[in-house]
Amino acid sequence: MAFILTLSSCKEKVKKDDKPEKQKVTYPSDVISFMNKWQILLGDGTRSDSLINYAKQGFFYVEKEAGTDWVVYKTPNSGITSPNSSNTRTELGEKRRWIPEEGGKLTGTLKVKHVSTTGDATARSSYSVVVGQIHSDEGHENEPLKIYYKKFPGHKKGSVFWNYEINTEGNNDGRWDFSTAVWGHDFSILGPSPNSYPEEPIDGIALGEEFSYEVNVYKGIMYLTFTSEGHETKRFTKNLLKSDFAKASDIPQQVLDWYSSKRRVGVERENAYAGEKQFFKQGAYNQANGKSTKSETYNGNIAKQYANGSYAEVWFKEATLGVGTLPTKE
């Protein structure tokens, strides 16, 4: 009897020891270590300024793919957003403020996994997501940089482009964006009707295809570098201290074609964003909404939006944030 009891005890001990260990959670801050420098706004309106060991399933979390951890930023077409925007976002906002003369640098290596599949093809923001920004925190609070990814339904490849918004002279109702293509189309290429699309870009970027950007503001000059395997590296330079658009004759035709029939087209103040506080943003700033792009929102039901393609999803595997540096000559 003593032997049987001993054997039974051993079996019980084996059962207890064989219990699976609780799986360790991998947080975004484990993948990209700069999270202490940011706060976040999620697509359901949740805010947090403490991102170490922070995640929220369905919005800001980690996925592993082919052995690599990625930070996921996901946001519906309709949710709760900031007071001055109709667009939802799951997006980091830099805590530090800096002026262009001081500068700063933001990098990211990412892939866009999804953009809204509904919208009006004649609306410029349809089917698009902003994956990086510089945002002003003074004056008109305009945006000297927005980096976009956009893909029309039925196309295999989408476009990467960047927009510069003027720091409007006087009343801000004259503000506008000027768009520059990186790979594929710029912001001005639209469908001929709400449900028909332009030609697919030959040199575009597919969903799930990696690309990288570097935004380097050094002594008031913004240096942009975009790289992707199999694509030509693209570089751009923009002065943030002296305007290219201070006179009516400087306004690009692209801008006149889009804005002049809709509202006043203003000019930029001569010193652009000089001396004005700025900060970086990174993540998924969904440009599809039920208002301007007529994208499907299912009355704000996030689960239905996720189930039916009415969302944006962006994955980052690497990113850095730091001071601006003297650009290297290529």
C-alpha atoms as a PDB file:
ATOM      1  CA  MET A   1       0.000   0.000   0.000  1.00  0.00           C
ATOM      2  CA  ALA A   2       2.842   2.349   0.807  1.00  0.00           C
ATOM      3  CA  PHE A   3       4.323   1.709  -2.644  1.00  0.00           C
ATOM      4  CA  ILE A   4       1.032   2.476  -4.365  1.00  0.00           C
ATOM      5  CA  LEU A   5       0.680   5.733  -2.498  1.00  0.00           C
ATOM      6  CA  THR A   6       4.209   6.735  -3.457  1.00  0.00           C
ATOM      7  CA  LEU A   7       3.565   5.962  -7.126  1.00  0.00           C
ATOM      8  CA  SER A   8       0.324   7.892  -7.047  1.00  0.00           C
ATOM      9  CA  SER A   9       2.145  10.879  -5.547  1.00  0.00           C
ATOM     10  CA  CYS A  10       4.759  10.734  -8.297  1.00  0.00           C
ATOM     11  CA  LYS A  11       2.054  10.699 -10.978  1.00  0.00           C
ATOM     12  CA  GLU A  12       0.372  13.694  -9.370  1.00  0.00           C
ATOM     13  CA  LYS A  13       3.688  15.549  -9.253  1.00  0.00           C
ATOM     14  CA  VAL A  14       4.281  14.846 -12.969  1.00  0.00           C
ATOM     15  CA  LYS A  15       0.858  16.241 -13.831  1.00  0.00           C
ATOM     16  CA  LYS A  16       1.557  19.449 -11.902  1.00  0.00           C
ATOM     17  CA  ASP A  17       5.012  19.850 -13.406  1.00  0.00           C
ATOM     18  CA  ASP A  18       3.638  19.287 -16.935  1.00  0.00           C
ATOM     19  CA  LYS A  19       1.350  22.339 -16.786  1.00  0.00           C
ATOM     20  CA  PRO A  20       2.207  24.648 -19.663  1.00  0.00           C
ATOM     21  CA  GLU A  21       4.034  27.771 -18.661  1.00  0.00           C
ATOM     22  CA  LYS A  22       2.248  31.070 -19.223  1.00  0.00           C
ATOM     23  CA  GLN A  23       3.397  32.473 -22.554  1.00  0.00           C
ATOM     24  CA  LYS A  24       5.441  35.644 -22.291  1.00  0.00           C
ATOM     25  CA  VAL A  25       3.823  38.666 -23.914  1.00  0.00           C
ATOM     26  CA  THR A  26       5.946  40.564 -26.419  1.00  0.00           C
ATOM     27  CA  TYR A  27       5.162  44.276 -26.304  1.00  0.00           C
ATOM     28  CA  PRO A  28       5.831  46.889 -28.988  1.00  0.00           C
ATOM     29  CA  SER A  29       8.481  48.364 -26.671  1.00  0.00           C
ATOM     30  CA  ASP A  30      10.310  45.007 -26.808  1.00  0.00           C
ATOM     31  CA  VAL A  31      10.552  45.288 -30.596  1.00  0.00           C
ATOM     32  CA  ILE A  32      11.235  49.022 -31.051  1.00  0.00           C
ATOM     33  CA  SER A  33      12.986  50.441 -28.025  1.00  0.00           C
ATOM     34  CA  PHE A  34      12.194  54.140 -28.460  1.00  0.00           C
ATOM     35  CA  MET A  35       8.653  53.916 -27.058  1.00  0.00           C
ATOM     36  CA  ASN A  36       9.560  55.987 -23.976  1.00  0.00           C
ATOM     37  CA  LYS A  37       9.837  59.014 -26.291  1.00  0.00           C
ATOM     38  CA  TRP A  38       6.223  58.851 -27.493  1.00  0.00           C
ATOM     39  CA  GLN A  39       2.589  58.966 -26.523  1.00  0.00           C
ATOM     40  CA  ILE A  40      -0.164  57.279 -28.541  1.00  0.00           C
ATOM     41  CA  LEU A  41      -3.751  57.787 -29.681  1.00  0.00           C
ATOM     42  CA  LEU A  42      -5.580  54.612 -30.742  1.00  0.00           C
ATOM     43  CA  GLY A  43      -8.449  54.248 -33.194  1.00  0.00           C
ATOM     44  CA  ASP A  44     -10.976  53.745 -30.387  1.00  0.00           C
ATOM     45  CA  GLY A  45      -9.947  56.999 -28.703  1.00  0.00           C
ATOM     46  CA  THR A  46      -7.678  55.416 -26.085  1.00  0.00           C
ATOM     47  CA  ARG A  47      -4.665  57.526 -25.165  1.00  0.00           C
ATOM     48  CA  SER A  48      -1.489  56.610 -23.315  1.00  0.00           C
ATOM     49  CA  ASP A  49       1.750  58.456 -22.617  1.00  0.00           C
ATOM     50  CA  SER A  50       3.440  55.423 -21.039  1.00  0.00           C
ATOM     51  CA  LEU A  51       4.258  52.886 -23.750  1.00  0.00           C
ATOM     52  CA  ILE A  52       6.777  50.627 -22.031  1.00  0.00           C
ATOM     53  CA  ASN A  53       5.137  47.181 -21.770  1.00  0.00           C
ATOM     54  CA  TYR A  54       1.957  48.649 -23.261  1.00  0.00           C
ATOM     55  CA  ALA A  55      -0.228  47.077 -25.944  1.00  0.00           C
ATOM     56  CA  LYS A  56      -3.895  46.918 -26.906  1.00  0.00           C
ATOM     57  CA  GLN A  57      -5.139  44.038 -29.020  1.00  0.00           C
ATOM     58  CA  GLY A  58      -6.779  45.108 -32.244  1.00  0.00           C
ATOM     59  CA  PHE A  59      -4.914  48.420 -32.335  1.00  0.00           C
ATOM     60  CA  PHE A  60      -1.290  48.362 -31.089  1.00  0.00           C
ATOM     61  CA  TYR A  61       0.428  45.021 -30.596  1.00  0.00           C
ATOM     62  CA  VAL A  62       3.095  42.642 -31.942  1.00  0.00           C
ATOM     63  CA  GLU A  63       2.840  40.031 -34.696  1.00  0.00           C
ATOM     64  CA  LYS A  64       5.556  37.565 -35.661  1.00  0.00           C
ATOM     65  CA  GLU A  65       5.981  36.784 -39.347  1.00  0.00           C
ATOM     66  CA  ALA A  66       8.724  34.563 -40.790  1.00  0.00           C
ATOM     67  CA  GLY A  67      10.616  34.815 -37.511  1.00  0.00           C
ATOM     68  CA  THR A  68      10.502  38.627 -37.345  1.00  0.00           C
ATOM     69  CA  ASP A  69       8.563  40.641 -34.764  1.00  0.00           C
ATOM     70  CA  TRP A  70       6.567  43.563 -36.135  1.00  0.00           C
ATOM     71  CA  VAL A  71       4.762  46.356 -34.304  1.00  0.00           C
ATOM     72  CA  VAL A  72       1.200  46.556 -35.641  1.00  0.00           C
ATOM     73  CA  TYR A  73      -0.716  49.834 -35.892  1.00  0.00           C
ATOM     74  CA  LYS A  74      -4.357  49.196 -36.838  1.00  0.00           C
ATOM     75  CA  THR A  75      -7.265  51.628 -36.988  1.00  0.00           C
ATOM     76  CA  PRO A  76     -10.815  51.602 -38.436  1.00  0.00           C
ATOM     77  CA  ASN A  77     -12.330  54.043 -40.911  1.00  0.00           C
ATOM     78  CA  SER A  78     -14.548  55.384 -38.136  1.00  0.00           C
ATOM     79  CA  GLY A  79     -13.813  55.524 -34.424  1.00  0.00           C
ATOM     80  CA  ILE A  80     -12.837  58.219 -31.948  1.00  0.00           C
ATOM     81  CA  THR A  81     -10.149  60.637 -33.069  1.00  0.00           C
ATOM     82  CA  SER A  82      -8.540  63.946 -32.162  1.00  0.00           C
ATOM     83  CA  PRO A  83     -10.761  67.069 -31.966  1.00  0.00           C
ATOM     84  CA  ASN A  84      -9.481  68.646 -35.204  1.00  0.00           C
ATOM     85  CA  SER A  85      -9.582  65.594 -37.487  1.00  0.00           C
ATOM     86  CA  SER A  86     -12.217  63.369 -39.106  1.00  0.00           C
ATOM     87  CA  ASN A  87      -9.646  60.596 -39.528  1.00  0.00           C
ATOM     88  CA  THR A  88      -8.961  57.890 -36.968  1.00  0.00           C
ATOM     89  CA  ARG A  89      -5.440  56.888 -36.113  1.00  0.00           C
ATOM     90  CA  THR A  90      -3.337  54.488 -34.135  1.00  0.00           C
ATOM     91  CA  GLU A  91      -0.322  56.737 -34.177  1.00  0.00           C
ATOM     92  CA  LEU A  92       2.606  57.737 -32.022  1.00  0.00           C
ATOM     93  CA  GLY A  93       3.116  61.402 -31.194  1.00  0.00           C
ATOM     94  CA  GLU A  94       6.581  62.589 -30.163  1.00  0.00           C
ATOM     95  CA  LYS A  95       6.750  64.060 -26.663  1.00  0.00           C
ATOM     96  CA  ARG A  96       9.646  66.380 -27.469  1.00  0.00           C
ATOM     97  CA  ARG A  97       9.086  69.653 -29.312  1.00  0.00           C
ATOM     98  CA  TRP A  98      11.744  71.167 -31.560  1.00  0.00           C
ATOM     99  CA  ILE A  99      12.067  73.970 -34.083  1.00  0.00           C
ATOM    100  CA  PRO A 100      13.422  73.361 -37.594  1.00  0.00           C
ATOM    101  CA  GLU A 101      16.626  75.196 -36.758  1.00  0.00           C
ATOM    102  CA  GLU A 102      17.286  72.561 -34.048  1.00  0.00           C
ATOM    103  CA  GLY A 103      15.984  69.676 -36.134  1.00  0.00           C
ATOM    104  CA  GLY A 104      15.434  65.993 -35.540  1.00  0.00           C
ATOM    105  CA  LYS A 105      15.503  62.647 -37.312  1.00  0.00           C
ATOM    106  CA  LEU A 106      12.895  59.902 -37.685  1.00  0.00           C
ATOM    107  CA  THR A 107      13.377  56.586 -39.497  1.00  0.00           C
ATOM    108  CA  GLY A 108      11.097  53.636 -40.113  1.00  0.00           C
ATOM    109  CA  THR A 109      11.108  50.292 -41.915  1.00  0.00           C
ATOM    110  CA  LEU A 110       7.574  49.128 -42.566  1.00  0.00           C
ATOM    111  CA  LYS A 111       5.026  47.445 -44.744  1.00  0.00           C
ATOM    112  CA  VAL A 112       1.408  48.432 -45.232  1.00  0.00           C
ATOM    113  CA  LYS A 113      -0.778  45.368 -44.803  1.00  0.00           C
ATOM    114  CA  HIS A 114      -4.154  46.915 -45.567  1.00  0.00           C
ATOM    115  CA  VAL A 115      -5.897  50.129 -46.611  1.00  0.00           C
ATOM    116  CA  SER A 116      -9.639  50.671 -46.838  1.00  0.00           C
ATOM    117  CA  THR A 117     -11.228  48.884 -49.770  1.00  0.00           C
ATOM    118  CA  THR A 118     -14.167  51.306 -49.885  1.00  0.00           C
ATOM    119  CA  GLY A 119     -14.271  54.957 -50.844  1.00  0.00           C
ATOM    120  CA  ASP A 120     -14.822  57.473 -53.636  1.00  0.00           C
ATOM    121  CA  ALA A 121     -12.070  57.234 -56.257  1.00  0.00           C
ATOM    122  CA  THR A 122     -12.422  60.954 -57.028  1.00  0.00           C
ATOM    123  CA  ALA A 123     -11.629  61.854 -53.391  1.00  0.00           C
ATOM    124  CA  ARG A 124      -7.899  62.278 -52.865  1.00  0.00           C
ATOM    125  CA  SER A 125      -7.686  60.619 -49.458  1.00  0.00           C
ATOM    126  CA  SER A 126      -9.601  57.457 -50.325  1.00  0.00           C
ATOM    127  CA  TYR A 127      -7.763  54.131 -49.902  1.00  0.00           C
ATOM    128  CA  SER A 128      -4.796  55.795 -48.160  1.00  0.00           C
ATOM    129  CA  VAL A 129      -2.931  55.885 -44.865  1.00  0.00           C
ATOM    130  CA  VAL A 130      -0.263  58.275 -43.538  1.00  0.00           C
ATOM    131  CA  VAL A 131       2.705  56.385 -42.046  1.00  0.00           C
ATOM    132  CA  GLY A 132       4.881  59.299 -40.878  1.00  0.00           C
ATOM    133  CA  GLN A 133       4.481  63.030 -40.217  1.00  0.00           C
ATOM    134  CA  ILE A 134       5.986  66.241 -39.013  1.00  0.00           C
ATOM    135  CA  HIS A 135       3.269  68.245 -37.278  1.00  0.00           C
ATOM    136  CA  SER A 136       3.435  71.843 -36.127  1.00  0.00           C
ATOM    137  CA  ASP A 137       2.411  72.598 -32.538  1.00  0.00           C
ATOM    138  CA  GLU A 138       2.068  76.361 -32.981  1.00  0.00           C
ATOM    139  CA  GLY A 139       0.407  78.849 -35.293  1.00  0.00           C
ATOM    140  CA  HIS A 140      -1.963  77.126 -37.715  1.00  0.00           C
ATOM    141  CA  GLU A 141      -0.698  73.703 -36.573  1.00  0.00           C
ATOM    142  CA  ASN A 142      -0.192  72.659 -40.182  1.00  0.00           C
ATOM    143  CA  GLU A 143       1.925  69.734 -41.365  1.00  0.00           C
ATOM    144  CA  PRO A 144       5.183  70.288 -43.249  1.00  0.00           C
ATOM    145  CA  LEU A 145       5.331  66.553 -43.965  1.00  0.00           C
ATOM    146  CA  LYS A 146       2.914  63.674 -44.412  1.00  0.00           C
ATOM    147  CA  ILE A 147       4.170  60.380 -45.901  1.00  0.00           C
ATOM    148  CA  TYR A 148       1.368  58.456 -47.608  1.00  0.00           C
ATOM    149  CA  TYR A 149       0.694  54.983 -48.916  1.00  0.00           C
ATOM    150  CA  LYS A 150      -2.320  54.628 -51.229  1.00  0.00           C
ATOM    151  CA  LYS A 151      -3.661  51.686 -53.222  1.00  0.00           C
ATOM    152  CA  PHE A 152      -6.800  51.624 -55.354  1.00  0.00           C
ATOM    153  CA  PRO A 153      -9.046  48.527 -55.177  1.00  0.00           C
ATOM    154  CA  GLY A 154      -8.151  45.883 -57.746  1.00  0.00           C
ATOM    155  CA  HIS A 155      -4.573  47.139 -58.119  1.00  0.00           C
ATOM    156  CA  LYS A 156      -1.679  44.945 -57.012  1.00  0.00           C
ATOM    157  CA  LYS A 157       0.599  47.940 -56.443  1.00  0.00           C
ATOM    158  CA  GLY A 158       0.021  51.166 -54.570  1.00  0.00           C
ATOM    159  CA  SER A 159       1.858  54.477 -54.380  1.00  0.00           C
ATOM    160  CA  VAL A 160       4.140  56.105 -51.840  1.00  0.00           C
ATOM    161  CA  PHE A 161       4.215  59.913 -51.905  1.00  0.00           C
ATOM    162  CA  TRP A 162       4.817  62.808 -49.548  1.00  0.00           C
ATOM    163  CA  ASN A 163       2.893  66.029 -49.054  1.00  0.00           C
ATOM    164  CA  TYR A 164       4.046  69.440 -47.887  1.00  0.00           C
ATOM    165  CA  GLU A 165       1.357  71.667 -46.365  1.00  0.00           C
ATOM    166  CA  ILE A 166       2.085  75.387 -46.510  1.00  0.00           C
ATOM    167  CA  ASN A 167       2.343  77.445 -43.340  1.00  0.00           C
ATOM    168  CA  THR A 168      -0.274  79.845 -44.632  1.00  0.00           C
ATOM    169  CA  GLU A 169       0.271  83.584 -44.623  1.00  0.00           C
ATOM    170  CA  GLY A 170      -2.682  85.148 -42.791  1.00  0.00           C
ATOM    171  CA  ASN A 171      -5.945  83.257 -42.531  1.00  0.00           C
ATOM    172  CA  ASN A 172      -5.490  79.492 -42.722  1.00  0.00           C
ATOM    173  CA  ASP A 173      -8.510  78.961 -44.978  1.00  0.00           C
ATOM    174  CA  GLY A 174      -6.087  79.352 -47.898  1.00  0.00           C
ATOM    175  CA  ARG A 175      -3.902  76.382 -46.894  1.00  0.00           C
ATOM    176  CA  TRP A 176      -3.071  73.584 -49.309  1.00  0.00           C
ATOM    177  CA  ASP A 177      -0.847  70.533 -49.826  1.00  0.00           C
ATOM    178  CA  PHE A 178       1.669  69.999 -52.620  1.00  0.00           C
ATOM    179  CA  SER A 179       2.289  66.326 -53.371  1.00  0.00           C
ATOM    180  CA  THR A 180       5.477  64.623 -54.627  1.00  0.00           C
ATOM    181  CA  ALA A 181       5.580  61.019 -55.852  1.00  0.00           C
ATOM    182  CA  VAL A 182       8.187  58.615 -54.473  1.00  0.00           C
ATOM    183  CA  TRP A 183       7.109  55.361 -56.133  1.00  0.00           C
ATOM    184  CA  GLY A 184       3.932  55.334 -58.195  1.00  0.00           C
ATOM    185  CA  HIS A 185       1.496  58.261 -58.302  1.00  0.00           C
ATOM    186  CA  ASP A 186       1.232  61.448 -56.269  1.00  0.00           C
ATOM    187  CA  PHE A 187      -1.882  62.698 -54.449  1.00  0.00           C
ATOM    188  CA  SER A 188      -3.339  64.318 -57.572  1.00  0.00           C
ATOM    189  CA  ILE A 189      -3.926  61.091 -59.542  1.00  0.00           C
ATOM    190  CA  LEU A 190      -7.567  60.106 -59.138  1.00  0.00           C
ATOM    191  CA  GLY A 191     -10.218  57.921 -60.680  1.00  0.00           C
ATOM    192  CA  PRO A 192     -12.391  59.424 -63.441  1.00  0.00           C
ATOM    193  CA  SER A 193     -15.544  58.547 -61.468  1.00  0.00           C
ATOM    194  CA  PRO A 194     -16.337  57.403 -57.914  1.00  0.00           C
ATOM    195  CA  ASN A 195     -16.162  53.707 -58.842  1.00  0.00           C
ATOM    196  CA  SER A 196     -13.461  53.646 -61.524  1.00  0.00           C
ATOM    197  CA  TYR A 197      -9.721  53.901 -61.055  1.00  0.00           C
ATOM    198  CA  PRO A 198      -6.659  55.342 -62.777  1.00  0.00           C
ATOM    199  CA  GLU A 199      -3.915  53.241 -64.367  1.00  0.00           C
ATOM    200  CA  GLU A 200      -2.030  51.074 -61.892  1.00  0.00           C
ATOM    201  CA  PRO A 201       1.441  52.493 -61.138  1.00  0.00           C
ATOM    202  CA  ILE A 202       4.236  50.544 -62.852  1.00  0.00           C
ATOM    203  CA  ASP A 203       6.846  51.276 -60.194  1.00  0.00           C
ATOM    204  CA  GLY A 204       4.519  51.050 -57.188  1.00  0.00           C
ATOM    205  CA  ILE A 205       4.724  49.250 -53.852  1.00  0.00           C
ATOM    206  CA  ALA A 206       2.491  46.258 -53.121  1.00  0.00           C
ATOM    207  CA  LEU A 207       0.693  45.605 -49.856  1.00  0.00           C
ATOM    208  CA  GLY A 208       3.097  43.668 -47.659  1.00  0.00           C
ATOM    209  CA  GLU A 209       6.182  44.986 -49.495  1.00  0.00           C
ATOM    210  CA  GLU A 210       8.815  46.537 -47.235  1.00  0.00           C
ATOM    211  CA  PHE A 211      10.102  50.067 -47.626  1.00  0.00           C
ATOM    212  CA  SER A 212      12.011  52.497 -45.419  1.00  0.00           C
ATOM    213  CA  TYR A 213      12.068  56.233 -44.933  1.00  0.00           C
ATOM    214  CA  GLU A 214      14.419  58.654 -43.223  1.00  0.00           C
ATOM    215  CA  VAL A 215      13.264  62.156 -42.310  1.00  0.00           C
ATOM    216  CA  ASN A 216      16.302  64.219 -41.338  1.00  0.00           C
ATOM    217  CA  VAL A 217      15.769  67.873 -40.420  1.00  0.00           C
ATOM    218  CA  TYR A 218      19.174  69.525 -40.091  1.00  0.00           C
ATOM    219  CA  LYS A 219      19.648  73.273 -39.625  1.00  0.00           C
ATOM    220  CA  GLY A 220      16.194  73.965 -41.041  1.00  0.00           C
ATOM    221  CA  ILE A 221      16.491  71.786 -44.156  1.00  0.00           C
ATOM    222  CA  MET A 222      14.380  68.640 -44.441  1.00  0.00           C
ATOM    223  CA  TYR A 223      16.196  65.756 -46.140  1.00  0.00           C
ATOM    224  CA  LEU A 224      14.023  62.793 -47.152  1.00  0.00           C
ATOM    225  CA  THR A 225      15.355  59.388 -48.209  1.00  0.00           C
ATOM    226  CA  PHE A 226      13.176  56.467 -49.332  1.00  0.00           C
ATOM    227  CA  THR A 227      14.535  52.969 -49.974  1.00  0.00           C
ATOM    228  CA  SER A 228      13.002  49.636 -50.966  1.00  0.00           C
ATOM    229  CA  GLU A 229      14.576  46.501 -52.408  1.00  0.00           C
ATOM    230  CA  GLY A 230      14.023  46.374 -56.159  1.00  0.00           C
ATOM    231  CA  HIS A 231      13.152  50.073 -56.361  1.00  0.00           C
ATOM    232  CA  GLU A 232      15.226  53.144 -57.061  1.00  0.00           C
ATOM    233  CA  THR A 233      16.306  55.017 -53.925  1.00  0.00           C
ATOM    234  CA  LYS A 234      14.656  58.434 -53.886  1.00  0.00           C
ATOM    235  CA  ARG A 235      15.950  61.583 -52.145  1.00  0.00           C
ATOM    236  CA  PHE A 236      14.311  64.967 -51.697  1.00  0.00           C
ATOM    237  CA  THR A 237      15.245  68.250 -50.016  1.00  0.00           C
ATOM    238  CA  LYS A 238      12.861  70.917 -48.693  1.00  0.00           C
ATOM    239  CA  ASN A 239      13.774  74.174 -46.965  1.00  0.00           C
ATOM    240  CA  LEU A 240      11.586  74.719 -43.879  1.00  0.00           C
ATOM    241  CA  LEU A 241      12.983  78.207 -43.198  1.00  0.00           C
ATOM    242  CA  LYS A 242      12.364  79.893 -46.543  1.00  0.00           C
ATOM    243  CA  SER A 243       9.184  79.414 -48.553  1.00  0.00           C
ATOM    244  CA  ASP A 244       9.027  78.234 -52.146  1.00  0.00           C
ATOM    245  CA  PHE A 245       5.413  79.446 -52.287  1.00  0.00           C
ATOM    246  CA  ALA A 246       5.431  83.032 -50.957  1.00  0.00           C
ATOM    247  CA  LYS A 247       3.974  84.588 -54.148  1.00  0.00           C
ATOM    248  CA  ALA A 248       0.866  83.741 -56.123  1.00  0.00           C
ATOM    249  CA  SER A 249       3.075  83.017 -59.127  1.00  0.00           C
ATOM    250  CA  ASP A 250       4.843  80.311 -57.070  1.00  0.00           C
ATOM    251  CA  ILE A 251       1.711  78.225 -56.581  1.00  0.00           C
ATOM    252  CA  PRO A 252       2.095  74.912 -58.489  1.00  0.00           C
ATOM    253  CA  GLN A 253      -0.396  74.035 -61.214  1.00  0.00           C
ATOM    254  CA  GLN A 254      -1.183  70.807 -59.353  1.00  0.00           C
ATOM    255  CA  VAL A 255      -2.518  72.935 -56.489  1.00  0.00           C
ATOM    256  CA  LEU A 256      -4.493  75.314 -58.708  1.00  0.00           C
ATOM    257  CA  ASP A 257      -6.121  72.432 -60.558  1.00  0.00           C
ATOM    258  CA  TRP A 258      -7.414  70.867 -57.349  1.00  0.00           C
ATOM    259  CA  TYR A 259      -8.157  73.745 -54.968  1.00  0.00           C
ATOM    260  CA  SER A 260      -9.048  76.843 -56.983  1.00  0.00           C
ATOM    261  CA  SER A 261     -12.560  75.661 -57.880  1.00  0.00           C
ATOM    262  CA  LYS A 262     -13.239  74.627 -54.277  1.00  0.00           C
ATOM    263  CA  ARG A 263     -11.892  77.417 -52.069  1.00  0.00           C
ATOM    264  CA  ARG A 264      -9.353  80.193 -51.713  1.00  0.00           C
ATOM    265  CA  VAL A 265      -5.744  79.328 -52.575  1.00  0.00           C
ATOM    266  CA  GLY A 266      -3.379  81.214 -50.281  1.00  0.00           C
ATOM    267  CA  VAL A 267       0.357  81.780 -50.211  1.00  0.00           C
ATOM    268  CA  GLU A 268       2.890  80.773 -47.569  1.00  0.00           C
ATOM    269  CA  ARG A 269       4.630  83.094 -45.156  1.00  0.00           C
ATOM    270  CA  GLU A 270       8.152  83.872 -46.402  1.00  0.00           C
ATOM    271  CA  ASN A 271       9.958  82.151 -43.521  1.00  0.00           C
ATOM    272  CA  ALA A 272       7.787  79.000 -43.782  1.00  0.00           C
ATOM    273  CA  TYR A 273       8.054  77.049 -40.484  1.00  0.00           C
ATOM    274  CA  ALA A 274      11.072  78.920 -39.070  1.00  0.00           C
ATOM    275  CA  GLY A 275      11.012  79.168 -35.280  1.00  0.00           C
ATOM    276  CA  GLU A 276       7.804  77.156 -34.968  1.00  0.00           C
ATOM    277  CA  LYS A 277       7.595  74.135 -32.647  1.00  0.00           C
ATOM    278  CA  GLN A 278       7.323  70.784 -34.427  1.00  0.00           C
ATOM    279  CA  PHE A 279       7.030  67.103 -33.500  1.00  0.00           C
ATOM    280  CA  PHE A 280       7.162  63.766 -35.322  1.00  0.00           C
ATOM    281  CA  LYS A 281       4.327  61.254 -35.678  1.00  0.00           C
ATOM    282  CA  GLN A 282       4.510  57.614 -36.809  1.00  0.00           C
ATOM    283  CA  GLY A 283       2.059  54.748 -37.240  1.00  0.00           C
ATOM    284  CA  ALA A 284      -1.257  54.414 -39.075  1.00  0.00           C
ATOM    285  CA  TYR A 285      -3.200  57.646 -39.641  1.00  0.00           C
ATOM    286  CA  ASN A 286      -6.169  56.372 -41.653  1.00  0.00           C
ATOM    287  CA  GLN A 287      -7.238  58.856 -44.330  1.00  0.00           C
ATOM    288  CA  ALA A 288     -10.439  56.983 -45.266  1.00  0.00           C
ATOM    289  CA  ASN A 289     -13.561  58.213 -43.504  1.00  0.00           C
ATOM    290  CA  GLY A 290     -17.291  58.334 -44.086  1.00  0.00           C
ATOM    291  CA  LYS A 291     -17.295  62.113 -44.537  1.00  0.00           C
ATOM    292  CA  SER A 292     -14.857  63.257 -47.238  1.00  0.00           C
ATOM    293  CA  THR A 293     -14.050  59.906 -48.860  1.00  0.00           C
ATOM    294  CA  LYS A 294     -17.468  58.219 -48.481  1.00  0.00           C
ATOM    295  CA  SER A 295     -15.745  55.107 -47.167  1.00  0.00           C
ATOM    296  CA  GLU A 296     -17.911  52.480 -45.463  1.00  0.00           C
ATOM    297  CA  THR A 297     -17.973  52.819 -41.665  1.00  0.00           C
ATOM    298  CA  TYR A 298     -20.801  50.481 -40.533  1.00  0.00           C
ATOM    299  CA  ASN A 299     -22.050  53.231 -38.212  1.00  0.00           C
ATOM    300  CA  GLY A 300     -18.767  53.172 -36.324  1.00  0.00           C
ATOM    301  CA  ASN A 301     -18.912  49.473 -35.442  1.00  0.00           C
ATOM    302  CA  ILE A 302     -15.194  48.632 -35.276  1.00  0.00           C
ATOM    303  CA  ALA A 303     -15.638  44.848 -35.384  1.00  0.00           C
ATOM    304  CA  LYS A 304     -17.706  45.109 -38.577  1.00  0.00           C
ATOM    305  CA  GLN A 305     -15.185  47.495 -40.114  1.00  0.00           C
ATOM    306  CA  TYR A 306     -12.322  45.092 -39.413  1.00  0.00           C
ATOM    307  CA  ALA A 307     -14.341  42.170 -40.820  1.00  0.00           C
ATOM    308  CA  ASN A 308     -15.259  44.003 -44.017  1.00  0.00           C
ATOM    309  CA  GLY A 309     -12.036  45.802 -45.037  1.00  0.00           C
ATOM    310  CA  SER A 310     -12.825  49.253 -43.643  1.00  0.00           C
ATOM    311  CA  TYR A 311      -9.529  49.826 -41.852  1.00  0.00           C
ATOM    312  CA  ALA A 312      -5.827  50.619 -42.222  1.00  0.00           C
ATOM    313  CA  GLU A 313      -3.050  48.380 -40.901  1.00  0.00           C
ATOM    314  CA  VAL A 314       0.662  49.201 -40.917  1.00  0.00           C
ATOM    315  CA  TRP A 315       3.535  47.072 -39.572  1.00  0.00           C
ATOM    316  CA  PHE A 316       6.914  48.470 -38.471  1.00  0.00           C
ATOM    317  CA  LYS A 317       9.917  46.263 -37.686  1.00  0.00           C
ATOM    318  CA  GLU A 318      12.492  49.026 -37.125  1.00  0.00           C
ATOM    319  CA  ALA A 319      12.346  52.718 -36.258  1.00  0.00           C
ATOM    320  CA  THR A 320      14.574  55.325 -34.638  1.00  0.00           C
ATOM    321  CA  LEU A 321      14.130  58.818 -33.276  1.00  0.00           C
ATOM    322  CA  GLY A 322      16.942  61.269 -32.588  1.00  0.00           C
ATOM    323  CA  VAL A 323      18.704  64.496 -33.492  1.00  0.00           C
ATOM    324  CA  GLY A 324      19.163  65.776 -37.018  1.00  0.00           C
ATOM    325  CA  THR A 325      22.524  65.047 -38.607  1.00  0.00           C
ATOM    326  CA  LEU A 326      24.620  66.460 -41.429  1.00  0.00           C
ATOM    327  CA  PRO A 327      23.431  64.470 -44.468  1.00  0.00           C
ATOM    328  CA  THR A 328      25.971  62.283 -46.234  1.00  0.00           C
ATOM    329  CA  LYS A 329      26.731  62.907 -49.889  1.00  0.00           C
ATOM    330  CA  GLU A 330      25.744  60.056 -52.187  1.00  0.00           C
END
